[in-house]
Amino acid sequence: MNSESINFEPSFTDDGPKIGFLEAFYGVLFCPKKVFEDLFNEDTFTVIVYGTLAVLLSNLGKLNPYNIGILNIFGVEVIGLLSWVFVAAFIFFLSTVFKTPNSNLGRLLGFTGLSSIPFLLLTPISLISNLNPAVYSVCEVFINVWAFILFWIALAKSFQLEGWRVLLMAIIPFLLGVFLFTFLIANLLGFYFQGCLSGKF
């Protein structure tokens, strides 16, 4: 396997990262293309650390505001991290199949992790749901669309390709998730109705 493709080895410099995490955090929200371009030349280890921090923070926004506990936080963080790694690995696999240039799993992980930052905004927005659930629902849809656009930009900047060429890389994992979820629900309903017809329930 090409060592250039997957490079987790940190190459520290005396100057350290040229862009700090907070700068990357705000930059991804309001000027994602420039920040991803700057991070493209950063050390791969630094980009992975930034992506991991972003995922850990964004997972907090996905917590149910009415059911917050240690186990819930732990569960959301574990599932969020595993989902992040799985999706990035799947996209990286597709990039190797189609021989996409500039493939680097570490950079891809960092960029896609940073693209999840908008979900952190769900934490303060969840307070609005106590006053008006409809407002919260609209904000939730907006943030999901925002995060998807950032995810698309992250892929384009990671592979240094035009946005339209990486659109399928952003859509395929989503469609795969929808298919697996639908398949699971269909099977569960099938087992349930079979049980009802046979008189077991």
N, C-alpha and C. Protein backbone atom coordinates (compact mmCIF):
# COMPACT_ATOMS: atom_id res chain seq x y z
N MET A 1 0.86 -1.21 0.00
CA MET A 1 0.00 0.00 0.00
C MET A 1 0.88 1.24 0.00
N ASN A 2 0.48 2.20 -0.76
CA ASN A 2 1.27 3.42 -0.87
C ASN A 2 1.29 4.15 0.47
N SER A 3 2.48 4.37 1.01
CA SER A 3 2.59 5.02 2.30
C SER A 3 2.12 6.46 2.26
N GLU A 4 2.05 7.05 1.05
CA GLU A 4 1.57 8.43 0.92
C GLU A 4 0.08 8.50 1.17
N SER A 5 -0.62 7.39 0.89
CA SER A 5 -2.07 7.37 1.02
C SER A 5 -2.51 7.43 2.47
N ILE A 6 -1.87 6.61 3.32
CA ILE A 6 -2.23 6.59 4.72
C ILE A 6 -1.00 6.95 5.53
N ASN A 7 -0.98 8.15 6.03
CA ASN A 7 0.21 8.63 6.73
C ASN A 7 -0.21 9.25 8.04
N PHE A 8 -0.02 8.48 9.13
CA PHE A 8 -0.37 8.99 10.44
C PHE A 8 0.86 9.46 11.21
N GLU A 9 2.02 9.38 10.59
CA GLU A 9 3.24 9.75 11.28
C GLU A 9 3.32 11.26 11.46
N PRO A 10 3.43 11.74 12.68
CA PRO A 10 3.54 13.18 12.89
C PRO A 10 4.90 13.70 12.47
N SER A 11 4.91 14.79 11.74
CA SER A 11 6.19 15.41 11.37
C SER A 11 6.20 16.80 11.99
N PHE A 12 6.58 16.86 13.25
CA PHE A 12 6.51 18.10 13.99
C PHE A 12 7.55 19.11 13.49
N THR A 13 7.17 20.34 13.53
CA THR A 13 8.09 21.41 13.17
C THR A 13 8.28 22.30 14.38
N ASP A 14 9.32 23.09 14.34
CA ASP A 14 9.61 23.98 15.47
C ASP A 14 8.54 25.06 15.62
N ASP A 15 7.96 25.46 14.50
CA ASP A 15 6.97 26.53 14.55
C ASP A 15 5.61 26.05 15.02
N GLY A 16 5.32 24.75 14.92
CA GLY A 16 4.03 24.23 15.28
C GLY A 16 3.01 24.52 14.19
N PRO A 17 1.72 24.20 14.47
CA PRO A 17 0.67 24.43 13.47
C PRO A 17 0.56 25.89 13.08
N LYS A 18 0.37 26.16 11.81
CA LYS A 18 0.22 27.53 11.32
C LYS A 18 -1.17 28.08 11.59
N ILE A 19 -2.13 27.17 11.84
CA ILE A 19 -3.49 27.58 12.12
C ILE A 19 -3.96 26.85 13.37
N GLY A 20 -4.45 27.60 14.36
CA GLY A 20 -4.89 27.02 15.62
C GLY A 20 -6.27 26.38 15.51
N PHE A 21 -6.62 25.60 16.53
CA PHE A 21 -7.90 24.89 16.48
C PHE A 21 -9.08 25.86 16.48
N LEU A 22 -9.04 26.88 17.35
CA LEU A 22 -10.15 27.83 17.40
C LEU A 22 -10.30 28.58 16.07
N GLU A 23 -9.17 28.91 15.47
CA GLU A 23 -9.21 29.58 14.16
C GLU A 23 -9.82 28.65 13.12
N ALA A 24 -9.44 27.37 13.17
CA ALA A 24 -10.01 26.39 12.25
C ALA A 24 -11.49 26.19 12.54
N PHE A 25 -11.85 26.17 13.82
CA PHE A 25 -13.25 25.98 14.25
C PHE A 25 -14.16 27.04 13.64
N TYR A 26 -13.82 28.31 13.86
CA TYR A 26 -14.65 29.40 13.34
C TYR A 26 -14.52 29.52 11.82
N GLY A 27 -13.32 29.24 11.31
CA GLY A 27 -13.11 29.34 9.87
C GLY A 27 -13.94 28.34 9.08
N VAL A 28 -14.08 27.11 9.59
CA VAL A 28 -14.88 26.10 8.91
C VAL A 28 -16.34 26.53 8.84
N LEU A 29 -16.81 27.19 9.88
CA LEU A 29 -18.20 27.63 9.90
C LEU A 29 -18.48 28.76 8.90
N PHE A 30 -17.55 29.70 8.78
CA PHE A 30 -17.82 30.90 8.01
C PHE A 30 -16.97 31.07 6.75
N CYS A 31 -15.85 30.38 6.67
CA CYS A 31 -15.00 30.48 5.48
C CYS A 31 -14.32 29.12 5.24
N PRO A 32 -15.12 28.09 4.99
CA PRO A 32 -14.59 26.72 4.95
C PRO A 32 -13.55 26.48 3.85
N LYS A 33 -13.75 27.04 2.67
CA LYS A 33 -12.82 26.77 1.57
C LYS A 33 -11.42 27.24 1.90
N LYS A 34 -11.30 28.45 2.44
CA LYS A 34 -9.97 28.99 2.78
C LYS A 34 -9.31 28.18 3.88
N VAL A 35 -10.08 27.82 4.91
CA VAL A 35 -9.52 27.07 6.04
C VAL A 35 -9.04 25.69 5.59
N PHE A 36 -9.84 25.00 4.78
CA PHE A 36 -9.43 23.68 4.31
C PHE A 36 -8.19 23.78 3.41
N GLU A 37 -8.11 24.85 2.64
CA GLU A 37 -6.91 25.05 1.81
C GLU A 37 -5.68 25.27 2.67
N ASP A 38 -5.84 26.03 3.76
CA ASP A 38 -4.72 26.25 4.69
C ASP A 38 -4.34 24.96 5.40
N LEU A 39 -5.35 24.18 5.81
CA LEU A 39 -5.08 22.94 6.53
C LEU A 39 -4.50 21.86 5.63
N PHE A 40 -4.68 22.00 4.33
CA PHE A 40 -4.15 20.99 3.41
C PHE A 40 -2.64 20.88 3.52
N ASN A 41 -1.99 21.99 3.84
CA ASN A 41 -0.53 22.01 3.96
C ASN A 41 -0.05 21.79 5.39
N GLU A 42 -1.00 21.60 6.33
CA GLU A 42 -0.61 21.34 7.71
C GLU A 42 -0.16 19.90 7.89
N ASP A 43 0.49 19.64 9.00
CA ASP A 43 0.90 18.30 9.34
C ASP A 43 -0.34 17.41 9.49
N THR A 44 -0.28 16.18 8.95
CA THR A 44 -1.42 15.27 8.97
C THR A 44 -1.87 14.97 10.40
N PHE A 45 -0.93 14.81 11.31
CA PHE A 45 -1.27 14.52 12.70
C PHE A 45 -2.10 15.66 13.32
N THR A 46 -1.72 16.90 13.02
CA THR A 46 -2.45 18.06 13.52
C THR A 46 -3.87 18.07 12.99
N VAL A 47 -4.04 17.77 11.71
CA VAL A 47 -5.37 17.76 11.09
C VAL A 47 -6.25 16.69 11.73
N ILE A 48 -5.67 15.52 12.03
CA ILE A 48 -6.43 14.45 12.68
C ILE A 48 -6.87 14.88 14.08
N VAL A 49 -5.98 15.52 14.81
CA VAL A 49 -6.31 15.99 16.17
C VAL A 49 -7.46 17.00 16.10
N TYR A 50 -7.39 17.95 15.16
CA TYR A 50 -8.45 18.94 15.01
C TYR A 50 -9.78 18.26 14.67
N GLY A 51 -9.73 17.29 13.76
CA GLY A 51 -10.94 16.58 13.36
C GLY A 51 -11.54 15.81 14.52
N THR A 52 -10.70 15.17 15.33
CA THR A 52 -11.18 14.40 16.48
C THR A 52 -11.84 15.31 17.51
N LEU A 53 -11.22 16.45 17.79
CA LEU A 53 -11.80 17.41 18.73
C LEU A 53 -13.15 17.92 18.23
N ALA A 54 -13.22 18.19 16.93
CA ALA A 54 -14.47 18.69 16.34
C ALA A 54 -15.59 17.65 16.46
N VAL A 55 -15.26 16.38 16.22
CA VAL A 55 -16.27 15.33 16.32
C VAL A 55 -16.74 15.17 17.77
N LEU A 56 -15.80 15.18 18.71
CA LEU A 56 -16.16 15.04 20.13
C LEU A 56 -17.09 16.17 20.57
N LEU A 57 -16.80 17.39 20.10
CA LEU A 57 -17.64 18.53 20.47
C LEU A 57 -19.00 18.48 19.77
N SER A 58 -18.99 18.16 18.48
CA SER A 58 -20.24 18.14 17.72
C SER A 58 -21.18 17.05 18.21
N ASN A 59 -20.64 15.95 18.73
CA ASN A 59 -21.48 14.87 19.26
C ASN A 59 -22.32 15.34 20.43
N LEU A 60 -21.81 16.31 21.19
CA LEU A 60 -22.56 16.84 22.33
C LEU A 60 -23.86 17.50 21.89
N GLY A 61 -23.85 18.07 20.68
CA GLY A 61 -25.05 18.71 20.17
C GLY A 61 -26.14 17.72 19.79
N LYS A 62 -25.79 16.44 19.68
CA LYS A 62 -26.76 15.41 19.29
C LYS A 62 -27.43 14.75 20.49
N LEU A 63 -27.05 15.20 21.70
CA LEU A 63 -27.65 14.63 22.90
C LEU A 63 -29.09 15.07 23.06
N ASN A 64 -29.91 14.19 23.58
CA ASN A 64 -31.30 14.54 23.90
C ASN A 64 -31.30 15.46 25.12
N PRO A 65 -31.78 16.70 24.98
CA PRO A 65 -31.72 17.65 26.10
C PRO A 65 -32.53 17.19 27.31
N TYR A 66 -33.48 16.25 27.11
CA TYR A 66 -34.31 15.78 28.21
C TYR A 66 -33.75 14.53 28.87
N ASN A 67 -32.66 13.99 28.32
CA ASN A 67 -32.12 12.74 28.86
C ASN A 67 -30.59 12.76 28.76
N ILE A 68 -29.97 13.57 29.62
CA ILE A 68 -28.52 13.72 29.61
C ILE A 68 -27.93 13.04 30.84
N GLY A 69 -27.02 12.14 30.60
CA GLY A 69 -26.34 11.42 31.68
C GLY A 69 -24.98 10.94 31.20
N ILE A 70 -24.20 10.41 32.12
CA ILE A 70 -22.86 9.93 31.78
C ILE A 70 -22.92 8.86 30.71
N LEU A 71 -23.82 7.89 30.87
CA LEU A 71 -23.93 6.80 29.90
C LEU A 71 -24.37 7.31 28.54
N ASN A 72 -25.31 8.28 28.54
CA ASN A 72 -25.78 8.84 27.27
C ASN A 72 -24.65 9.58 26.55
N ILE A 73 -23.89 10.37 27.29
CA ILE A 73 -22.77 11.10 26.69
C ILE A 73 -21.74 10.12 26.14
N PHE A 74 -21.41 9.10 26.93
CA PHE A 74 -20.44 8.10 26.49
C PHE A 74 -20.92 7.38 25.23
N GLY A 75 -22.19 6.99 25.23
CA GLY A 75 -22.75 6.28 24.08
C GLY A 75 -22.74 7.12 22.82
N VAL A 76 -23.16 8.38 22.95
CA VAL A 76 -23.19 9.28 21.79
C VAL A 76 -21.79 9.52 21.25
N GLU A 77 -20.83 9.68 22.15
CA GLU A 77 -19.45 9.93 21.71
C GLU A 77 -18.86 8.70 21.00
N VAL A 78 -19.08 7.52 21.54
CA VAL A 78 -18.55 6.30 20.93
C VAL A 78 -19.17 6.06 19.56
N ILE A 79 -20.50 6.17 19.49
CA ILE A 79 -21.19 5.95 18.22
C ILE A 79 -20.77 7.01 17.20
N GLY A 80 -20.64 8.26 17.66
CA GLY A 80 -20.23 9.33 16.76
C GLY A 80 -18.84 9.13 16.20
N LEU A 81 -17.91 8.72 17.05
CA LEU A 81 -16.53 8.48 16.60
C LEU A 81 -16.46 7.31 15.64
N LEU A 82 -17.16 6.22 15.97
CA LEU A 82 -17.15 5.04 15.09
C LEU A 82 -17.78 5.35 13.74
N SER A 83 -18.88 6.12 13.74
CA SER A 83 -19.54 6.49 12.49
C SER A 83 -18.62 7.36 11.63
N TRP A 84 -17.95 8.30 12.28
CA TRP A 84 -17.01 9.19 11.58
C TRP A 84 -15.90 8.40 10.91
N VAL A 85 -15.28 7.49 11.64
CA VAL A 85 -14.19 6.68 11.09
C VAL A 85 -14.69 5.77 9.99
N PHE A 86 -15.87 5.17 10.18
CA PHE A 86 -16.42 4.25 9.19
C PHE A 86 -16.70 4.97 7.87
N VAL A 87 -17.35 6.12 7.96
CA VAL A 87 -17.70 6.87 6.74
C VAL A 87 -16.43 7.33 6.02
N ALA A 88 -15.46 7.86 6.78
CA ALA A 88 -14.21 8.31 6.16
C ALA A 88 -13.46 7.14 5.52
N ALA A 89 -13.43 5.99 6.19
CA ALA A 89 -12.75 4.82 5.64
C ALA A 89 -13.44 4.33 4.38
N PHE A 90 -14.77 4.37 4.39
CA PHE A 90 -15.54 3.93 3.22
C PHE A 90 -15.27 4.85 2.03
N ILE A 91 -15.26 6.15 2.27
CA ILE A 91 -14.98 7.10 1.19
C ILE A 91 -13.54 6.94 0.70
N PHE A 92 -12.61 6.72 1.63
CA PHE A 92 -11.23 6.50 1.24
C PHE A 92 -11.10 5.24 0.37
N PHE A 93 -11.86 4.21 0.73
CA PHE A 93 -11.86 2.98 -0.08
C PHE A 93 -12.35 3.28 -1.49
N LEU A 94 -13.43 4.08 -1.61
CA LEU A 94 -13.93 4.46 -2.93
C LEU A 94 -12.88 5.25 -3.69
N SER A 95 -12.16 6.12 -2.99
CA SER A 95 -11.16 6.96 -3.66
C SER A 95 -10.01 6.11 -4.21
N THR A 96 -9.67 5.02 -3.50
CA THR A 96 -8.61 4.15 -4.01
C THR A 96 -9.10 3.32 -5.18
N VAL A 97 -10.37 2.92 -5.14
CA VAL A 97 -10.94 2.15 -6.25
C VAL A 97 -10.95 2.97 -7.53
N PHE A 98 -11.35 4.25 -7.39
CA PHE A 98 -11.43 5.12 -8.56
C PHE A 98 -10.14 5.91 -8.80
N LYS A 99 -9.07 5.54 -8.03
CA LYS A 99 -7.76 6.17 -8.21
C LYS A 99 -7.83 7.70 -8.12
N THR A 100 -8.49 8.17 -7.07
CA THR A 100 -8.59 9.61 -6.84
C THR A 100 -7.23 10.17 -6.40
N PRO A 101 -6.78 11.27 -6.99
CA PRO A 101 -5.48 11.84 -6.59
C PRO A 101 -5.54 12.45 -5.20
N ASN A 102 -4.37 12.66 -4.62
CA ASN A 102 -4.24 13.31 -3.31
C ASN A 102 -4.98 12.56 -2.20
N SER A 103 -5.06 11.22 -2.31
CA SER A 103 -5.74 10.43 -1.28
C SER A 103 -4.86 10.34 -0.03
N ASN A 104 -5.41 10.74 1.09
CA ASN A 104 -4.70 10.68 2.35
C ASN A 104 -5.74 10.49 3.44
N LEU A 105 -5.76 9.30 4.07
CA LEU A 105 -6.81 8.97 5.04
C LEU A 105 -6.76 9.89 6.24
N GLY A 106 -5.57 10.23 6.71
CA GLY A 106 -5.47 11.12 7.86
C GLY A 106 -6.08 12.49 7.58
N ARG A 107 -5.74 13.07 6.43
CA ARG A 107 -6.31 14.38 6.08
C ARG A 107 -7.82 14.28 5.87
N LEU A 108 -8.27 13.18 5.25
CA LEU A 108 -9.70 12.99 5.03
C LEU A 108 -10.45 12.90 6.35
N LEU A 109 -9.89 12.18 7.31
CA LEU A 109 -10.51 12.09 8.64
C LEU A 109 -10.62 13.48 9.28
N GLY A 110 -9.52 14.23 9.24
CA GLY A 110 -9.52 15.56 9.85
C GLY A 110 -10.52 16.50 9.21
N PHE A 111 -10.55 16.53 7.89
CA PHE A 111 -11.45 17.44 7.18
C PHE A 111 -12.91 17.09 7.42
N THR A 112 -13.26 15.80 7.31
CA THR A 112 -14.66 15.42 7.52
C THR A 112 -15.06 15.61 8.97
N GLY A 113 -14.10 15.42 9.90
CA GLY A 113 -14.42 15.67 11.30
C GLY A 113 -14.74 17.13 11.55
N LEU A 114 -13.95 18.02 10.96
CA LEU A 114 -14.21 19.45 11.11
C LEU A 114 -15.53 19.88 10.48
N SER A 115 -15.96 19.16 9.45
CA SER A 115 -17.21 19.53 8.78
C SER A 115 -18.44 19.27 9.65
N SER A 116 -18.26 18.53 10.76
CA SER A 116 -19.39 18.23 11.64
C SER A 116 -19.63 19.31 12.69
N ILE A 117 -18.81 20.34 12.71
CA ILE A 117 -18.88 21.39 13.74
C ILE A 117 -20.28 22.01 13.89
N PRO A 118 -21.05 22.24 12.80
CA PRO A 118 -22.36 22.86 12.99
C PRO A 118 -23.28 22.13 13.96
N PHE A 119 -23.09 20.82 14.13
CA PHE A 119 -23.96 20.07 15.05
C PHE A 119 -23.80 20.54 16.49
N LEU A 120 -22.64 21.15 16.81
CA LEU A 120 -22.46 21.67 18.16
C LEU A 120 -23.48 22.77 18.46
N LEU A 121 -23.93 23.48 17.41
CA LEU A 121 -24.90 24.55 17.60
C LEU A 121 -26.25 24.04 18.07
N LEU A 122 -26.48 22.72 17.93
CA LEU A 122 -27.75 22.15 18.39
C LEU A 122 -27.87 22.23 19.91
N THR A 123 -26.73 22.34 20.61
CA THR A 123 -26.77 22.39 22.07
C THR A 123 -27.51 23.63 22.57
N PRO A 124 -27.12 24.86 22.16
CA PRO A 124 -27.91 26.02 22.61
C PRO A 124 -29.30 26.07 21.96
N ILE A 125 -29.40 25.56 20.74
CA ILE A 125 -30.70 25.60 20.05
C ILE A 125 -31.70 24.69 20.75
N SER A 126 -31.20 23.62 21.39
CA SER A 126 -32.10 22.69 22.08
C SER A 126 -32.87 23.39 23.19
N LEU A 127 -32.30 24.46 23.74
CA LEU A 127 -33.00 25.23 24.77
C LEU A 127 -34.25 25.89 24.21
N ILE A 128 -34.21 26.21 22.90
CA ILE A 128 -35.36 26.84 22.26
C ILE A 128 -36.54 25.88 22.19
N SER A 129 -36.25 24.58 22.12
CA SER A 129 -37.32 23.60 21.97
C SER A 129 -38.29 23.63 23.14
N ASN A 130 -37.82 24.12 24.30
CA ASN A 130 -38.73 24.23 25.45
C ASN A 130 -39.78 25.31 25.21
N LEU A 131 -39.42 26.29 24.37
CA LEU A 131 -40.36 27.37 24.09
C LEU A 131 -41.15 27.12 22.83
N ASN A 132 -40.47 26.65 21.79
CA ASN A 132 -41.13 26.43 20.50
C ASN A 132 -40.47 25.27 19.78
N PRO A 133 -41.03 24.06 19.87
CA PRO A 133 -40.44 22.89 19.19
C PRO A 133 -40.33 23.06 17.68
N ALA A 134 -41.26 23.82 17.09
CA ALA A 134 -41.23 24.01 15.63
C ALA A 134 -39.97 24.77 15.21
N VAL A 135 -39.57 25.75 16.00
CA VAL A 135 -38.35 26.52 15.70
C VAL A 135 -37.14 25.61 15.76
N TYR A 136 -37.12 24.74 16.78
CA TYR A 136 -36.00 23.81 16.92
C TYR A 136 -35.93 22.86 15.72
N SER A 137 -37.06 22.38 15.25
CA SER A 137 -37.09 21.46 14.11
C SER A 137 -36.54 22.13 12.85
N VAL A 138 -36.94 23.39 12.63
CA VAL A 138 -36.45 24.13 11.46
C VAL A 138 -34.94 24.33 11.56
N CYS A 139 -34.47 24.70 12.74
CA CYS A 139 -33.03 24.89 12.94
C CYS A 139 -32.26 23.59 12.75
N GLU A 140 -32.85 22.49 13.19
CA GLU A 140 -32.20 21.18 13.05
C GLU A 140 -32.03 20.81 11.58
N VAL A 141 -33.06 21.07 10.77
CA VAL A 141 -32.98 20.80 9.34
C VAL A 141 -31.90 21.68 8.71
N PHE A 142 -31.89 22.95 9.08
CA PHE A 142 -30.90 23.89 8.54
C PHE A 142 -29.49 23.45 8.86
N ILE A 143 -29.25 23.02 10.10
CA ILE A 143 -27.91 22.61 10.52
C ILE A 143 -27.48 21.33 9.79
N ASN A 144 -28.40 20.41 9.58
CA ASN A 144 -28.08 19.19 8.84
C ASN A 144 -27.67 19.50 7.40
N VAL A 145 -28.38 20.43 6.77
CA VAL A 145 -28.03 20.84 5.41
C VAL A 145 -26.68 21.55 5.40
N TRP A 146 -26.47 22.41 6.38
CA TRP A 146 -25.21 23.14 6.50
C TRP A 146 -24.04 22.17 6.66
N ALA A 147 -24.21 21.17 7.54
CA ALA A 147 -23.15 20.19 7.78
C ALA A 147 -22.87 19.37 6.53
N PHE A 148 -23.92 19.04 5.77
CA PHE A 148 -23.72 18.27 4.55
C PHE A 148 -22.92 19.08 3.52
N ILE A 149 -23.23 20.37 3.40
CA ILE A 149 -22.48 21.23 2.47
C ILE A 149 -21.02 21.31 2.88
N LEU A 150 -20.76 21.47 4.18
CA LEU A 150 -19.38 21.49 4.67
C LEU A 150 -18.69 20.16 4.41
N PHE A 151 -19.43 19.06 4.57
CA PHE A 151 -18.88 17.73 4.30
C PHE A 151 -18.46 17.61 2.84
N TRP A 152 -19.28 18.13 1.97
CA TRP A 152 -19.00 18.12 0.53
C TRP A 152 -17.74 18.95 0.23
N ILE A 153 -17.67 20.14 0.81
CA ILE A 153 -16.50 21.00 0.62
C ILE A 153 -15.25 20.32 1.17
N ALA A 154 -15.38 19.66 2.35
CA ALA A 154 -14.24 18.97 2.96
C ALA A 154 -13.69 17.89 2.04
N LEU A 155 -14.58 17.14 1.40
CA LEU A 155 -14.13 16.10 0.47
C LEU A 155 -13.42 16.72 -0.73
N ALA A 156 -14.01 17.78 -1.28
CA ALA A 156 -13.43 18.42 -2.46
C ALA A 156 -12.03 18.96 -2.15
N LYS A 157 -11.86 19.59 -0.97
CA LYS A 157 -10.57 20.16 -0.61
C LYS A 157 -9.56 19.08 -0.21
N SER A 158 -10.06 17.99 0.38
CA SER A 158 -9.15 16.91 0.77
C SER A 158 -8.53 16.23 -0.45
N PHE A 159 -9.35 16.00 -1.48
CA PHE A 159 -8.87 15.34 -2.69
C PHE A 159 -8.39 16.33 -3.75
N GLN A 160 -8.59 17.65 -3.47
CA GLN A 160 -8.21 18.70 -4.43
C GLN A 160 -8.90 18.47 -5.78
N LEU A 161 -10.21 18.24 -5.72
CA LEU A 161 -11.02 18.03 -6.91
C LEU A 161 -12.16 19.03 -6.94
N GLU A 162 -12.79 19.18 -8.12
CA GLU A 162 -13.97 20.03 -8.22
C GLU A 162 -15.11 19.42 -7.40
N GLY A 163 -15.97 20.30 -6.89
CA GLY A 163 -17.06 19.84 -6.04
C GLY A 163 -17.97 18.81 -6.68
N TRP A 164 -18.27 18.97 -7.97
CA TRP A 164 -19.21 18.05 -8.62
C TRP A 164 -18.62 16.66 -8.74
N ARG A 165 -17.29 16.53 -8.75
CA ARG A 165 -16.67 15.21 -8.90
C ARG A 165 -16.70 14.41 -7.60
N VAL A 166 -16.87 15.09 -6.48
CA VAL A 166 -16.90 14.37 -5.21
C VAL A 166 -18.32 14.29 -4.64
N LEU A 167 -19.31 14.76 -5.40
CA LEU A 167 -20.68 14.74 -4.90
C LEU A 167 -21.13 13.31 -4.59
N LEU A 168 -20.79 12.36 -5.46
CA LEU A 168 -21.19 10.98 -5.22
C LEU A 168 -20.53 10.41 -3.97
N MET A 169 -19.31 10.86 -3.67
CA MET A 169 -18.65 10.40 -2.45
C MET A 169 -19.38 10.86 -1.21
N ALA A 170 -20.05 12.00 -1.30
CA ALA A 170 -20.82 12.50 -0.17
C ALA A 170 -22.19 11.84 -0.10
N ILE A 171 -22.76 11.49 -1.25
CA ILE A 171 -24.11 10.95 -1.29
C ILE A 171 -24.14 9.45 -1.02
N ILE A 172 -23.14 8.70 -1.53
CA ILE A 172 -23.17 7.24 -1.42
C ILE A 172 -23.24 6.77 0.04
N PRO A 173 -22.41 7.29 0.98
CA PRO A 173 -22.55 6.84 2.37
C PRO A 173 -23.93 7.14 2.94
N PHE A 174 -24.50 8.30 2.56
CA PHE A 174 -25.83 8.65 3.04
C PHE A 174 -26.87 7.66 2.51
N LEU A 175 -26.79 7.37 1.21
CA LEU A 175 -27.73 6.42 0.61
C LEU A 175 -27.54 5.03 1.19
N LEU A 176 -26.28 4.65 1.46
CA LEU A 176 -26.02 3.35 2.06
C LEU A 176 -26.65 3.27 3.45
N GLY A 177 -26.53 4.35 4.22
CA GLY A 177 -27.14 4.37 5.55
C GLY A 177 -28.65 4.28 5.47
N VAL A 178 -29.26 5.01 4.52
CA VAL A 178 -30.71 4.94 4.34
C VAL A 178 -31.14 3.53 3.95
N PHE A 179 -30.36 2.92 3.04
CA PHE A 179 -30.70 1.57 2.59
C PHE A 179 -30.63 0.58 3.75
N LEU A 180 -29.54 0.64 4.55
CA LEU A 180 -29.38 -0.29 5.66
C LEU A 180 -30.47 -0.08 6.70
N PHE A 181 -30.82 1.19 6.97
CA PHE A 181 -31.87 1.48 7.94
C PHE A 181 -33.22 0.95 7.45
N THR A 182 -33.52 1.20 6.17
CA THR A 182 -34.77 0.72 5.59
C THR A 182 -34.83 -0.81 5.58
N PHE A 183 -33.69 -1.44 5.25
CA PHE A 183 -33.62 -2.89 5.24
C PHE A 183 -33.88 -3.46 6.63
N LEU A 184 -33.30 -2.82 7.65
CA LEU A 184 -33.47 -3.28 9.03
C LEU A 184 -34.93 -3.14 9.47
N ILE A 185 -35.53 -1.97 9.19
CA ILE A 185 -36.92 -1.74 9.57
C ILE A 185 -37.85 -2.73 8.85
N ALA A 186 -37.59 -2.96 7.55
CA ALA A 186 -38.43 -3.88 6.78
C ALA A 186 -38.37 -5.28 7.36
N ASN A 187 -37.18 -5.72 7.75
CA ASN A 187 -37.04 -7.06 8.32
C ASN A 187 -37.70 -7.16 9.68
N LEU A 188 -37.56 -6.12 10.50
CA LEU A 188 -38.21 -6.12 11.81
C LEU A 188 -39.72 -6.17 11.68
N LEU A 189 -40.27 -5.37 10.74
CA LEU A 189 -41.71 -5.39 10.51
C LEU A 189 -42.15 -6.75 9.97
N GLY A 190 -41.31 -7.33 9.08
CA GLY A 190 -41.64 -8.64 8.53
C GLY A 190 -41.72 -9.70 9.62
N PHE A 191 -40.75 -9.70 10.53
CA PHE A 191 -40.76 -10.67 11.63
C PHE A 191 -41.96 -10.43 12.55
N TYR A 192 -42.29 -9.16 12.76
CA TYR A 192 -43.41 -8.83 13.64
C TYR A 192 -44.72 -9.34 13.07
N PHE A 193 -44.98 -9.04 11.78
CA PHE A 193 -46.24 -9.45 11.17
C PHE A 193 -46.32 -10.96 11.00
N GLN A 194 -45.17 -11.61 10.76
CA GLN A 194 -45.16 -13.06 10.69
C GLN A 194 -45.55 -13.66 12.04
N GLY A 195 -45.05 -13.00 13.10
CA GLY A 195 -45.41 -13.46 14.44
C GLY A 195 -46.88 -13.26 14.73
N CYS A 196 -47.43 -12.12 14.26
CA CYS A 196 -48.85 -11.85 14.47
C CYS A 196 -49.72 -12.86 13.74
N LEU A 197 -49.33 -13.16 12.49
CA LEU A 197 -50.12 -14.10 11.70
C LEU A 197 -50.06 -15.52 12.27
N SER A 198 -48.92 -15.86 12.88
CA SER A 198 -48.79 -17.20 13.43
C SER A 198 -49.34 -17.30 14.86
N GLY A 199 -49.79 -16.14 15.39
CA GLY A 199 -50.40 -16.12 16.71
C GLY A 199 -49.44 -16.12 17.87
N LYS A 200 -48.17 -15.80 17.59
CA LYS A 200 -47.17 -15.80 18.66
C LYS A 200 -47.20 -14.51 19.47
N PHE A 201 -47.78 -13.43 18.90
CA PHE A 201 -47.83 -12.15 19.61
C PHE A 201 -49.28 -11.82 19.93
